Amino acid sequence: MRLIRHEAAHAYSYAYQLPRKKKWQQAFGRTSREETPDVYHPRPFSRSYVVHLDDWYAQSHPDEDFAETFAVWLTPGLDWRARYAGWKALQKLEYVDELMRSLAGNPPRHLPDYRVADFECLNQKLKTYYGRKRKLYEDTYPDFYDVDLRQLFPASAGPGRITAAAYLRRRRRRLLNSVCQWTNEKKFRVNKLLSRLVDRCDQLDLNVLNDDPQQDFRVTSFITTLVMNYLFTGKFKRTK
């Protein structure tokens, strides 16, 4: 439903030609015909944008900033004024609230005629479409790293062993500093990845030898590989 609310914003934007409004441009910036970039560098702690979809998507493009703001505004049961109190993004939410109230009951300004020829190219099955989407976003699924984690932490429970989650928590600062030093990636993003790996190790109940001298090297190499893939592709994917 979060994605549907986001896409509904684009439908309203095109139907009512909202980006042409001067106040819209003042709130979200001038848009263009350029598509949303595949790779962008968000500011995780910025309060100028709402947080709705993953990866601070509102910061990728003015159109997406509006869509994310609209989606938050439309979220059932959310007190967005309280949630974003003190944020600069609250001004955008107030504008969206004002804008949508002004559009209520008004027909769309842009309503192109339906032409069958425009949709003849849509010959792809939904199964194929969603299969490709799953492949594209596979690194966001909880089980994406399971095979790698089981290889990194293959020990069974017993004497001389600790849980993999405990191992990562103990060495978190050392791993974080080492990976960030040599990849030049921000600690916030690497720390978020580490948190995800710790949680998954807990769920899988993985274990590791307590005195394996090579374990730090293997884990650091694995995390560094993920981060370097992110720097080049925008995704934490390990090349098979």
C-alpha atoms as a PDB file:
ATOM      1  CA  MET A   1       0.000   0.000   0.000  1.00  0.00           C
ATOM      2  CA  ARG A   2       2.900   2.372   0.589  1.00  0.00           C
ATOM      3  CA  LEU A   3       3.936   1.990  -3.038  1.00  0.00           C
ATOM      4  CA  ILE A   4       0.360   2.429  -4.268  1.00  0.00           C
ATOM      5  CA  ARG A   5       0.040   5.700  -2.343  1.00  0.00           C
ATOM      6  CA  HIS A   6       3.326   6.822  -3.870  1.00  0.00           C
ATOM      7  CA  GLU A   7       2.217   5.989  -7.419  1.00  0.00           C
ATOM      8  CA  ALA A   8      -1.163   7.648  -6.846  1.00  0.00           C
ATOM      9  CA  ALA A   9       0.744  10.883  -6.297  1.00  0.00           C
ATOM     10  CA  HIS A  10       2.275  10.629  -9.768  1.00  0.00           C
ATOM     11  CA  ALA A  11      -1.186  10.063 -11.246  1.00  0.00           C
ATOM     12  CA  TYR A  12      -2.480  13.230  -9.580  1.00  0.00           C
ATOM     13  CA  SER A  13       0.629  15.119 -10.620  1.00  0.00           C
ATOM     14  CA  TYR A  14       0.198  14.281 -14.302  1.00  0.00           C
ATOM     15  CA  ALA A  15      -3.595  14.586 -14.358  1.00  0.00           C
ATOM     16  CA  TYR A  16      -3.604  18.048 -12.796  1.00  0.00           C
ATOM     17  CA  GLN A  17      -0.223  19.138 -14.211  1.00  0.00           C
ATOM     18  CA  LEU A  18       0.929  20.075 -10.733  1.00  0.00           C
ATOM     19  CA  PRO A  19       4.641  20.630 -11.522  1.00  0.00           C
ATOM     20  CA  ARG A  20       3.621  23.667 -13.585  1.00  0.00           C
ATOM     21  CA  LYS A  21       2.352  25.445 -10.491  1.00  0.00           C
ATOM     22  CA  LYS A  22       4.754  28.063  -9.163  1.00  0.00           C
ATOM     23  CA  LYS A  23       4.076  27.151  -5.546  1.00  0.00           C
ATOM     24  CA  TRP A  24       4.732  23.464  -6.340  1.00  0.00           C
ATOM     25  CA  GLN A  25       8.091  24.428  -7.821  1.00  0.00           C
ATOM     26  CA  GLN A  26       8.907  26.516  -4.754  1.00  0.00           C
ATOM     27  CA  ALA A  27       8.142  23.561  -2.495  1.00  0.00           C
ATOM     28  CA  PHE A  28       9.749  20.711  -4.436  1.00  0.00           C
ATOM     29  CA  GLY A  29      11.964  22.325  -7.060  1.00  0.00           C
ATOM     30  CA  ARG A  30      11.780  22.490 -10.816  1.00  0.00           C
ATOM     31  CA  THR A  31      11.183  19.133 -12.420  1.00  0.00           C
ATOM     32  CA  SER A  32      12.372  17.971 -15.827  1.00  0.00           C
ATOM     33  CA  ARG A  33      11.875  15.208 -18.334  1.00  0.00           C
ATOM     34  CA  GLU A  34      14.852  13.352 -16.920  1.00  0.00           C
ATOM     35  CA  GLU A  35      13.949  10.126 -15.162  1.00  0.00           C
ATOM     36  CA  THR A  36      14.768   9.456 -11.533  1.00  0.00           C
ATOM     37  CA  PRO A  37      18.469   8.504 -11.408  1.00  0.00           C
ATOM     38  CA  ASP A  38      19.386   4.925 -10.524  1.00  0.00           C
ATOM     39  CA  VAL A  39      22.123   6.122  -8.181  1.00  0.00           C
ATOM     40  CA  TYR A  40      21.965   9.196  -5.964  1.00  0.00           C
ATOM     41  CA  HIS A  41      23.568  10.229  -2.697  1.00  0.00           C
ATOM     42  CA  PRO A  42      20.968  11.089  -0.050  1.00  0.00           C
ATOM     43  CA  ARG A  43      21.539  12.816   3.266  1.00  0.00           C
ATOM     44  CA  PRO A  44      20.104  10.356   5.812  1.00  0.00           C
ATOM     45  CA  PHE A  45      19.676  12.922   8.574  1.00  0.00           C
ATOM     46  CA  SER A  46      18.079  15.636   6.448  1.00  0.00           C
ATOM     47  CA  ARG A  47      14.791  16.957   7.804  1.00  0.00           C
ATOM     48  CA  SER A  48      13.898  18.670   4.557  1.00  0.00           C
ATOM     49  CA  TYR A  49      12.352  15.468   3.201  1.00  0.00           C
ATOM     50  CA  VAL A  50       9.833  12.949   4.483  1.00  0.00           C
ATOM     51  CA  VAL A  51      10.830   9.309   4.936  1.00  0.00           C
ATOM     52  CA  HIS A  52       8.417   6.856   3.336  1.00  0.00           C
ATOM     53  CA  LEU A  53       9.951   4.342   0.921  1.00  0.00           C
ATOM     54  CA  ASP A  54      13.430   2.954   1.548  1.00  0.00           C
ATOM     55  CA  ASP A  55      16.715   4.681   0.720  1.00  0.00           C
ATOM     56  CA  TRP A  56      15.398   8.213   1.379  1.00  0.00           C
ATOM     57  CA  TYR A  57      13.732   8.100  -2.027  1.00  0.00           C
ATOM     58  CA  ALA A  58      12.253  11.587  -1.681  1.00  0.00           C
ATOM     59  CA  GLN A  59      15.740  13.003  -2.202  1.00  0.00           C
ATOM     60  CA  SER A  60      16.220  11.428  -5.624  1.00  0.00           C
ATOM     61  CA  HIS A  61      14.143  13.844  -7.752  1.00  0.00           C
ATOM     62  CA  PRO A  62      11.554  16.652  -7.302  1.00  0.00           C
ATOM     63  CA  ASP A  63       8.800  14.385  -8.672  1.00  0.00           C
ATOM     64  CA  GLU A  64       9.692  11.722  -6.121  1.00  0.00           C
ATOM     65  CA  ASP A  65       9.857  14.317  -3.360  1.00  0.00           C
ATOM     66  CA  PHE A  66       6.247  15.243  -4.111  1.00  0.00           C
ATOM     67  CA  ALA A  67       5.169  11.606  -4.432  1.00  0.00           C
ATOM     68  CA  GLU A  68       6.723  10.661  -1.106  1.00  0.00           C
ATOM     69  CA  THR A  69       5.252  13.713   0.624  1.00  0.00           C
ATOM     70  CA  PHE A  70       1.827  12.921  -0.827  1.00  0.00           C
ATOM     71  CA  ALA A  71       2.130   9.277   0.289  1.00  0.00           C
ATOM     72  CA  VAL A  72       2.898  10.322   3.867  1.00  0.00           C
ATOM     73  CA  TRP A  73       0.015  12.814   3.813  1.00  0.00           C
ATOM     74  CA  LEU A  74      -2.325  10.062   2.582  1.00  0.00           C
ATOM     75  CA  THR A  75      -1.228   7.411   5.112  1.00  0.00           C
ATOM     76  CA  PRO A  76      -4.280   6.300   7.139  1.00  0.00           C
ATOM     77  CA  GLY A  77      -4.084   6.988  10.848  1.00  0.00           C
ATOM     78  CA  LEU A  78      -0.810   8.909  10.637  1.00  0.00           C
ATOM     79  CA  ASP A  79      -0.646  12.229  12.475  1.00  0.00           C
ATOM     80  CA  TRP A  80       1.875  13.702  10.067  1.00  0.00           C
ATOM     81  CA  ARG A  81       1.872  17.064  11.813  1.00  0.00           C
ATOM     82  CA  ALA A  82       3.061  15.405  15.017  1.00  0.00           C
ATOM     83  CA  ARG A  83       5.418  13.007  13.212  1.00  0.00           C
ATOM     84  CA  TYR A  84       7.188  15.795  11.321  1.00  0.00           C
ATOM     85  CA  ALA A  85       6.925  18.567  13.899  1.00  0.00           C
ATOM     86  CA  GLY A  86      10.054  20.697  13.710  1.00  0.00           C
ATOM     87  CA  TRP A  87      11.010  19.338  10.290  1.00  0.00           C
ATOM     88  CA  LYS A  88      11.301  21.565   7.229  1.00  0.00           C
ATOM     89  CA  ALA A  89       9.426  18.791   5.404  1.00  0.00           C
ATOM     90  CA  LEU A  90       6.329  19.783   7.378  1.00  0.00           C
ATOM     91  CA  GLN A  91       5.982  22.839   5.119  1.00  0.00           C
ATOM     92  CA  LYS A  92       5.701  20.500   2.127  1.00  0.00           C
ATOM     93  CA  LEU A  93       3.087  18.397   3.898  1.00  0.00           C
ATOM     94  CA  GLU A  94       1.056  21.493   4.723  1.00  0.00           C
ATOM     95  CA  TYR A  95       1.270  22.560   1.087  1.00  0.00           C
ATOM     96  CA  VAL A  96       0.112  19.127  -0.129  1.00  0.00           C
ATOM     97  CA  ASP A  97      -2.799  19.289   2.314  1.00  0.00           C
ATOM     98  CA  GLU A  98      -3.758  22.734   0.997  1.00  0.00           C
ATOM     99  CA  LEU A  99      -3.260  21.650  -2.617  1.00  0.00           C
ATOM    100  CA  MET A 100      -5.375  18.502  -2.433  1.00  0.00           C
ATOM    101  CA  ARG A 101      -8.210  20.323  -0.695  1.00  0.00           C
ATOM    102  CA  SER A 102      -8.201  22.878  -3.514  1.00  0.00           C
ATOM    103  CA  LEU A 103      -8.422  20.102  -6.124  1.00  0.00           C
ATOM    104  CA  ALA A 104     -11.303  18.267  -4.469  1.00  0.00           C
ATOM    105  CA  GLY A 105     -14.250  17.994  -6.865  1.00  0.00           C
ATOM    106  CA  ASN A 106     -12.365  19.493  -9.810  1.00  0.00           C
ATOM    107  CA  PRO A 107     -11.933  17.425 -12.995  1.00  0.00           C
ATOM    108  CA  PRO A 108      -8.378  16.689 -14.175  1.00  0.00           C
ATOM    109  CA  ARG A 109      -6.843  19.279 -16.477  1.00  0.00           C
ATOM    110  CA  HIS A 110      -4.958  16.699 -18.503  1.00  0.00           C
ATOM    111  CA  LEU A 111      -7.009  13.721 -19.641  1.00  0.00           C
ATOM    112  CA  PRO A 112      -5.637  12.277 -22.904  1.00  0.00           C
ATOM    113  CA  ASP A 113      -7.868  10.092 -25.041  1.00  0.00           C
ATOM    114  CA  TYR A 114      -7.510   6.353 -24.619  1.00  0.00           C
ATOM    115  CA  ARG A 115      -5.839   4.821 -27.649  1.00  0.00           C
ATOM    116  CA  VAL A 116      -5.439   1.075 -27.977  1.00  0.00           C
ATOM    117  CA  ALA A 117      -2.247   1.541 -29.981  1.00  0.00           C
ATOM    118  CA  ASP A 118      -0.564   3.104 -26.953  1.00  0.00           C
ATOM    119  CA  PHE A 119      -0.943  -0.125 -24.995  1.00  0.00           C
ATOM    120  CA  GLU A 120      -0.243  -2.760 -27.627  1.00  0.00           C
ATOM    121  CA  CYS A 121       3.338  -2.925 -26.377  1.00  0.00           C
ATOM    122  CA  LEU A 122       2.143  -4.170 -22.976  1.00  0.00           C
ATOM    123  CA  ASN A 123       2.575  -7.828 -23.826  1.00  0.00           C
ATOM    124  CA  GLN A 124       4.480  -8.856 -20.712  1.00  0.00           C
ATOM    125  CA  LYS A 125       2.870 -11.186 -18.197  1.00  0.00           C
ATOM    126  CA  LEU A 126       2.533  -9.974 -14.622  1.00  0.00           C
ATOM    127  CA  LYS A 127       4.467 -13.037 -13.466  1.00  0.00           C
ATOM    128  CA  THR A 128       7.408 -11.991 -15.644  1.00  0.00           C
ATOM    129  CA  TYR A 129       7.162  -8.356 -14.582  1.00  0.00           C
ATOM    130  CA  TYR A 130       7.158  -9.113 -10.862  1.00  0.00           C
ATOM    131  CA  GLY A 131       9.857 -11.742 -11.315  1.00  0.00           C
ATOM    132  CA  ARG A 132      12.139  -9.092 -12.770  1.00  0.00           C
ATOM    133  CA  LYS A 133      11.210  -6.658 -10.021  1.00  0.00           C
ATOM    134  CA  ARG A 134      12.045  -9.270  -7.405  1.00  0.00           C
ATOM    135  CA  LYS A 135      15.413  -9.792  -9.068  1.00  0.00           C
ATOM    136  CA  LEU A 136      16.052  -6.045  -9.115  1.00  0.00           C
ATOM    137  CA  TYR A 137      15.219  -5.597  -5.430  1.00  0.00           C
ATOM    138  CA  GLU A 138      16.296  -9.015  -4.198  1.00  0.00           C
ATOM    139  CA  ASP A 139      18.860  -7.554  -1.816  1.00  0.00           C
ATOM    140  CA  THR A 140      16.025  -6.034   0.229  1.00  0.00           C
ATOM    141  CA  TYR A 141      14.537  -9.444   1.083  1.00  0.00           C
ATOM    142  CA  PRO A 142      15.364 -10.768   4.576  1.00  0.00           C
ATOM    143  CA  ASP A 143      16.818 -14.046   3.273  1.00  0.00           C
ATOM    144  CA  PHE A 144      19.065 -12.501   0.608  1.00  0.00           C
ATOM    145  CA  TYR A 145      22.310 -13.046   2.564  1.00  0.00           C
ATOM    146  CA  ASP A 146      21.400 -16.404   4.104  1.00  0.00           C
ATOM    147  CA  VAL A 147      23.716 -18.499   1.909  1.00  0.00           C
ATOM    148  CA  ASP A 148      26.673 -16.197   2.569  1.00  0.00           C
ATOM    149  CA  LEU A 149      26.000 -15.987   6.300  1.00  0.00           C
ATOM    150  CA  ARG A 150      25.799 -19.762   6.629  1.00  0.00           C
ATOM    151  CA  GLN A 151      29.173 -20.036   4.891  1.00  0.00           C
ATOM    152  CA  LEU A 152      30.700 -17.363   7.128  1.00  0.00           C
ATOM    153  CA  PHE A 153      29.327 -18.890  10.332  1.00  0.00           C
ATOM    154  CA  PRO A 154      29.127 -22.672   9.776  1.00  0.00           C
ATOM    155  CA  ALA A 155      29.832 -23.837  13.342  1.00  0.00           C
ATOM    156  CA  SER A 156      27.202 -25.692  15.337  1.00  0.00           C
ATOM    157  CA  ALA A 157      26.332 -24.716  18.896  1.00  0.00           C
ATOM    158  CA  GLY A 158      28.595 -26.093  21.609  1.00  0.00           C
ATOM    159  CA  PRO A 159      31.635 -25.418  23.827  1.00  0.00           C
ATOM    160  CA  GLY A 160      34.110 -22.878  22.475  1.00  0.00           C
ATOM    161  CA  ARG A 161      31.495 -21.295  20.256  1.00  0.00           C
ATOM    162  CA  ILE A 162      29.449 -18.110  20.445  1.00  0.00           C
ATOM    163  CA  THR A 163      26.504 -16.920  18.424  1.00  0.00           C
ATOM    164  CA  ALA A 164      27.336 -15.101  15.202  1.00  0.00           C
ATOM    165  CA  ALA A 165      25.178 -12.175  16.305  1.00  0.00           C
ATOM    166  CA  ALA A 166      27.195 -11.833  19.524  1.00  0.00           C
ATOM    167  CA  TYR A 167      30.425 -12.039  17.529  1.00  0.00           C
ATOM    168  CA  LEU A 168      29.324  -9.206  15.225  1.00  0.00           C
ATOM    169  CA  ARG A 169      28.152  -7.058  18.129  1.00  0.00           C
ATOM    170  CA  ARG A 170      31.503  -7.427  19.924  1.00  0.00           C
ATOM    171  CA  ARG A 171      33.496  -6.500  16.835  1.00  0.00           C
ATOM    172  CA  ARG A 172      31.049  -3.997  15.405  1.00  0.00           C
ATOM    173  CA  ARG A 173      33.140  -0.884  16.006  1.00  0.00           C
ATOM    174  CA  ARG A 174      36.320  -2.498  14.678  1.00  0.00           C
ATOM    175  CA  LEU A 175      34.566  -3.795  11.561  1.00  0.00           C
ATOM    176  CA  LEU A 176      32.836  -0.467  11.004  1.00  0.00           C
ATOM    177  CA  ASN A 177      36.042   1.559  11.259  1.00  0.00           C
ATOM    178  CA  SER A 178      38.029  -0.809   9.062  1.00  0.00           C
ATOM    179  CA  VAL A 179      35.461  -1.034   6.254  1.00  0.00           C
ATOM    180  CA  CYS A 180      34.759   2.705   6.229  1.00  0.00           C
ATOM    181  CA  GLN A 181      38.464   3.559   6.222  1.00  0.00           C
ATOM    182  CA  TRP A 182      39.206   1.580   3.064  1.00  0.00           C
ATOM    183  CA  THR A 183      35.939   2.083   1.171  1.00  0.00           C
ATOM    184  CA  ASN A 184      35.396   5.731   2.160  1.00  0.00           C
ATOM    185  CA  GLU A 185      31.704   4.959   2.678  1.00  0.00           C
ATOM    186  CA  LYS A 186      29.756   6.767   5.389  1.00  0.00           C
ATOM    187  CA  LYS A 187      29.543   4.976   8.730  1.00  0.00           C
ATOM    188  CA  PHE A 188      25.788   5.411   8.878  1.00  0.00           C
ATOM    189  CA  ARG A 189      25.170   3.236   5.830  1.00  0.00           C
ATOM    190  CA  VAL A 190      27.687   0.539   6.787  1.00  0.00           C
ATOM    191  CA  ASN A 191      26.279   0.459  10.312  1.00  0.00           C
ATOM    192  CA  LYS A 192      22.794  -0.039   8.883  1.00  0.00           C
ATOM    193  CA  LEU A 193      24.076  -3.004   6.861  1.00  0.00           C
ATOM    194  CA  LEU A 194      25.747  -4.458   9.963  1.00  0.00           C
ATOM    195  CA  SER A 195      22.497  -4.139  11.905  1.00  0.00           C
ATOM    196  CA  ARG A 196      20.699  -6.083   9.222  1.00  0.00           C
ATOM    197  CA  LEU A 197      23.329  -8.851   9.275  1.00  0.00           C
ATOM    198  CA  VAL A 198      23.232  -9.062  13.084  1.00  0.00           C
ATOM    199  CA  ASP A 199      19.452  -9.384  13.103  1.00  0.00           C
ATOM    200  CA  ARG A 200      19.521 -12.074  10.428  1.00  0.00           C
ATOM    201  CA  CYS A 201      22.209 -14.059  12.260  1.00  0.00           C
ATOM    202  CA  ASP A 202      19.968 -13.981  15.323  1.00  0.00           C
ATOM    203  CA  GLN A 203      17.026 -15.266  13.297  1.00  0.00           C
ATOM    204  CA  LEU A 204      19.097 -18.066  11.736  1.00  0.00           C
ATOM    205  CA  ASP A 205      20.697 -18.985  15.094  1.00  0.00           C
ATOM    206  CA  LEU A 206      24.188 -19.096  13.555  1.00  0.00           C
ATOM    207  CA  ASN A 207      27.353 -19.797  15.534  1.00  0.00           C
ATOM    208  CA  VAL A 208      31.082 -19.244  15.162  1.00  0.00           C
ATOM    209  CA  LEU A 209      34.270 -20.548  16.802  1.00  0.00           C
ATOM    210  CA  ASN A 210      35.275 -18.162  19.550  1.00  0.00           C
ATOM    211  CA  ASP A 211      39.021 -18.246  18.787  1.00  0.00           C
ATOM    212  CA  ASP A 212      39.212 -18.525  14.988  1.00  0.00           C
ATOM    213  CA  PRO A 213      42.059 -16.148  13.948  1.00  0.00           C
ATOM    214  CA  GLN A 214      40.794 -15.969  10.342  1.00  0.00           C
ATOM    215  CA  GLN A 215      37.194 -15.068  11.142  1.00  0.00           C
ATOM    216  CA  ASP A 216      37.729 -11.304  11.334  1.00  0.00           C
ATOM    217  CA  PHE A 217      39.453 -11.354   7.952  1.00  0.00           C
ATOM    218  CA  ARG A 218      36.628 -13.319   6.301  1.00  0.00           C
ATOM    219  CA  VAL A 219      33.868 -11.135   7.723  1.00  0.00           C
ATOM    220  CA  THR A 220      35.668  -7.881   6.893  1.00  0.00           C
ATOM    221  CA  SER A 221      36.243  -9.079   3.322  1.00  0.00           C
ATOM    222  CA  PHE A 222      32.575 -10.014   2.954  1.00  0.00           C
ATOM    223  CA  ILE A 223      31.264  -6.673   4.218  1.00  0.00           C
ATOM    224  CA  THR A 224      33.814  -4.736   2.161  1.00  0.00           C
ATOM    225  CA  THR A 225      32.654  -6.585  -0.958  1.00  0.00           C
ATOM    226  CA  LEU A 226      29.041  -5.623  -0.250  1.00  0.00           C
ATOM    227  CA  VAL A 227      29.941  -1.979   0.305  1.00  0.00           C
ATOM    228  CA  MET A 228      32.058  -1.762  -2.858  1.00  0.00           C
ATOM    229  CA  ASN A 229      29.180  -3.229  -4.851  1.00  0.00           C
ATOM    230  CA  TYR A 230      26.950  -0.554  -3.357  1.00  0.00           C
ATOM    231  CA  LEU A 231      29.370   2.205  -4.343  1.00  0.00           C
ATOM    232  CA  PHE A 232      29.411   1.026  -7.971  1.00  0.00           C
ATOM    233  CA  THR A 233      25.820  -0.187  -8.416  1.00  0.00           C
ATOM    234  CA  GLY A 234      23.737   1.357  -5.642  1.00  0.00           C
ATOM    235  CA  LYS A 235      22.893  -2.152  -4.376  1.00  0.00           C
ATOM    236  CA  PHE A 236      24.412  -4.288  -1.613  1.00  0.00           C
ATOM    237  CA  LYS A 237      24.755  -7.286  -3.910  1.00  0.00           C
ATOM    238  CA  ARG A 238      27.600  -9.751  -3.899  1.00  0.00           C
ATOM    239  CA  THR A 239      28.767 -10.681  -7.395  1.00  0.00           C
ATOM    240  CA  LYS A 240      28.388 -14.427  -7.843  1.00  0.00           C
END
